[in-house]
C-alpha atoms as a PDB file:
ATOM      1  CA  MET A   1     103.794 107.906  91.593  1.00  0.00           C
ATOM      2  CA  LYS A   2     106.846 110.070  90.909  1.00  0.00           C
ATOM      3  CA  ASN A   3     106.659 111.389  94.480  1.00  0.00           C
ATOM      4  CA  GLY A   4     106.815 107.886  95.935  1.00  0.00           C
ATOM      5  CA  GLU A   5     103.147 107.943  96.916  1.00  0.00           C
ATOM      6  CA  PHE A   6     102.697 104.347  95.809  1.00  0.00           C
ATOM      7  CA  GLY A   7      99.653 103.718  97.979  1.00  0.00           C
ATOM      8  CA  TYR A   8      97.721 106.543  96.346  1.00  0.00           C
ATOM      9  CA  ALA A   9      98.939 105.588  92.884  1.00  0.00           C
ATOM     10  CA  LEU A  10      97.920 101.947  93.309  1.00  0.00           C
ATOM     11  CA  HIS A  11      94.536 102.988  94.677  1.00  0.00           C
ATOM     12  CA  ASP A  12      93.897 105.140  91.615  1.00  0.00           C
ATOM     13  CA  ILE A  13      95.193 102.435  89.274  1.00  0.00           C
ATOM     14  CA  ARG A  14      92.940  99.866  90.936  1.00  0.00           C
ATOM     15  CA  ILE A  15      89.895 102.070  90.348  1.00  0.00           C
ATOM     16  CA  GLY A  16      90.950 102.521  86.722  1.00  0.00           C
ATOM     17  CA  LEU A  17      91.299  98.756  86.291  1.00  0.00           C
ATOM     18  CA  GLU A  18      87.859  98.179  87.801  1.00  0.00           C
ATOM     19  CA  LYS A  19      86.208 100.736  85.527  1.00  0.00           C
ATOM     20  CA  GLY A  20      88.114  99.637  82.444  1.00  0.00           C
ATOM     21  CA  VAL A  21      87.314  95.952  82.836  1.00  0.00           C
ATOM     22  CA  LYS A  22      83.642  96.802  83.402  1.00  0.00           C
ATOM     23  CA  CYS A  23      83.716  98.928  80.251  1.00  0.00           C
ATOM     24  CA  ILE A  24      85.078  95.998  78.214  1.00  0.00           C
ATOM     25  CA  ILE A  25      82.393  93.655  79.570  1.00  0.00           C
ATOM     26  CA  THR A  26      79.580  96.151  79.047  1.00  0.00           C
ATOM     27  CA  HIS A  27      80.667  96.854  75.478  1.00  0.00           C
ATOM     28  CA  TRP A  28      80.932  93.217  74.387  1.00  0.00           C
ATOM     29  CA  LYS A  29      78.488  91.358  76.651  1.00  0.00           C
ATOM     30  CA  GLY A  30      76.209  93.893  78.360  1.00  0.00           C
ATOM     31  CA  ASP A  31      75.629  95.071  81.929  1.00  0.00           C
ATOM     32  CA  SER A  32      74.119  91.779  83.042  1.00  0.00           C
ATOM     33  CA  PHE A  33      77.587  90.173  82.954  1.00  0.00           C
ATOM     34  CA  ILE A  34      79.124  92.692  85.401  1.00  0.00           C
ATOM     35  CA  LYS A  35      80.164  91.184  88.743  1.00  0.00           C
ATOM     36  CA  GLU A  36      80.870  92.817  92.098  1.00  0.00           C
ATOM     37  CA  LYS A  37      84.620  92.078  92.349  1.00  0.00           C
ATOM     38  CA  LEU A  38      87.446  92.980  89.978  1.00  0.00           C
ATOM     39  CA  ASP A  39      88.753  89.418  90.085  1.00  0.00           C
ATOM     40  CA  ASP A  40      85.358  88.083  88.996  1.00  0.00           C
ATOM     41  CA  ASN A  41      85.135  90.631  86.182  1.00  0.00           C
ATOM     42  CA  ILE A  42      88.588  89.684  84.924  1.00  0.00           C
ATOM     43  CA  THR A  43      87.394  86.080  84.968  1.00  0.00           C
ATOM     44  CA  VAL A  44      84.384  87.083  82.838  1.00  0.00           C
ATOM     45  CA  CYS A  45      86.792  88.629  80.328  1.00  0.00           C
ATOM     46  CA  LYS A  46      88.820  85.421  80.374  1.00  0.00           C
ATOM     47  CA  SER A  47      85.911  82.996  80.041  1.00  0.00           C
ATOM     48  CA  CYS A  48      84.270  85.051  77.267  1.00  0.00           C
ATOM     49  CA  ALA A  49      87.617  85.632  75.495  1.00  0.00           C
ATOM     50  CA  LEU A  50      87.102  89.411  75.528  1.00  0.00           C
ATOM     51  CA  LEU A  51      90.838  90.070  75.863  1.00  0.00           C
ATOM     52  CA  PRO A  52      93.956  88.088  74.916  1.00  0.00           C
ATOM     53  CA  ARG A  53      94.949  85.480  77.497  1.00  0.00           C
ATOM     54  CA  ASP A  54      98.393  87.016  78.107  1.00  0.00           C
ATOM     55  CA  PHE A  55      96.810  90.389  78.843  1.00  0.00           C
ATOM     56  CA  ILE A  56      94.296  88.710  81.180  1.00  0.00           C
ATOM     57  CA  GLU A  57      97.254  87.372  83.184  1.00  0.00           C
ATOM     58  CA  GLU A  58      98.733  90.877  83.339  1.00  0.00           C
ATOM     59  CA  LEU A  59      95.398  92.173  84.656  1.00  0.00           C
ATOM     60  CA  TYR A  60      95.415  89.543  87.403  1.00  0.00           C
ATOM     61  CA  ASP A  61      99.025  90.452  88.273  1.00  0.00           C
ATOM     62  CA  ALA A  62      98.245  94.178  88.357  1.00  0.00           C
ATOM     63  CA  LYS A  63      95.200  93.541  90.564  1.00  0.00           C
ATOM     64  CA  ASN A  64      97.361  91.476  92.915  1.00  0.00           C
ATOM     65  CA  HIS A  65      99.903  94.299  93.195  1.00  0.00           C
ATOM     66  CA  CYS A  66      97.083  96.683  94.150  1.00  0.00           C
ATOM     67  CA  ASN A  67      95.406  94.367  96.668  1.00  0.00           C
ATOM     68  CA  PRO A  68      97.728  94.574  99.707  1.00  0.00           C
ATOM     69  CA  LEU A  69      97.466  98.348  99.813  1.00  0.00           C
ATOM     70  CA  GLN A  70      93.668  98.141  99.874  1.00  0.00           C
ATOM     71  CA  HIS A  71      93.973  96.535 103.314  1.00  0.00           C
ATOM     72  CA  ASP A  72      95.797  97.449 106.512  1.00  0.00           C
ATOM     73  CA  THR A  73      99.063  95.595 105.889  1.00  0.00           C
ATOM     74  CA  ASP A  74     102.757  96.391 106.058  1.00  0.00           C
ATOM     75  CA  VAL A  75     103.370  95.283 102.464  1.00  0.00           C
ATOM     76  CA  GLN A  76     105.714  97.636 100.645  1.00  0.00           C
ATOM     77  CA  LYS A  77     105.695  98.116  96.891  1.00  0.00           C
ATOM     78  CA  ASP A  78     108.575  99.366  94.785  1.00  0.00           C
ATOM     79  CA  TYR A  79     108.556 101.672  91.788  1.00  0.00           C
ATOM     80  CA  GLY A  80     108.841  98.794  89.310  1.00  0.00           C
ATOM     81  CA  GLN A  81     105.718  97.083  90.621  1.00  0.00           C
ATOM     82  CA  VAL A  82     103.724 100.294  90.565  1.00  0.00           C
ATOM     83  CA  HIS A  83     105.006 101.154  87.089  1.00  0.00           C
ATOM     84  CA  PHE A  84     103.937  97.702  85.849  1.00  0.00           C
ATOM     85  CA  THR A  85     100.387  98.250  87.120  1.00  0.00           C
ATOM     86  CA  TYR A  86     100.333 101.687  85.489  1.00  0.00           C
ATOM     87  CA  LYS A  87     101.395 100.223  82.139  1.00  0.00           C
ATOM     88  CA  VAL A  88      98.682  97.548  82.370  1.00  0.00           C
ATOM     89  CA  LEU A  89      96.101 100.262  83.006  1.00  0.00           C
ATOM     90  CA  GLU A  90      97.498 102.254  80.086  1.00  0.00           C
ATOM     91  CA  GLU A  91      97.161  99.244  77.772  1.00  0.00           C
ATOM     92  CA  LEU A  92      93.617  98.603  79.013  1.00  0.00           C
ATOM     93  CA  SER A  93      92.779 102.228  78.261  1.00  0.00           C
ATOM     94  CA  ASP A  94      94.251 101.909  74.765  1.00  0.00           C
ATOM     95  CA  ARG A  95      92.169  98.809  74.119  1.00  0.00           C
ATOM     96  CA  ILE A  96      89.015 100.658  75.196  1.00  0.00           C
ATOM     97  CA  LYS A  97      89.854 103.640  73.005  1.00  0.00           C
ATOM     98  CA  ALA A  98      90.250 101.298  70.046  1.00  0.00           C
ATOM     99  CA  PHE A  99      86.564 100.393  70.042  1.00  0.00           C
ATOM    100  CA  THR A 100      85.103 103.749  71.025  1.00  0.00           C
END
């Protein structure tokens, strides 16, 4: 991220978000609640109230910042957007550590 490699950073953050959200679901609800897509898994967290609603919205926002770079588009991201997604991942990680 510090080298301006935002595409790589967002890719790695996206993977972290996917794994972290699955970890939350598995811990509180079990593997049978895991869905294929990150968006669907965030929705599971929302509908089952596994995370605070404001943090759920941050997860959706972070996912949306990661999405354009997962496809062949000309969308450019700035440092602030990438930093936001990093901080969301960091908070998700802290929440997971709290129950492990």
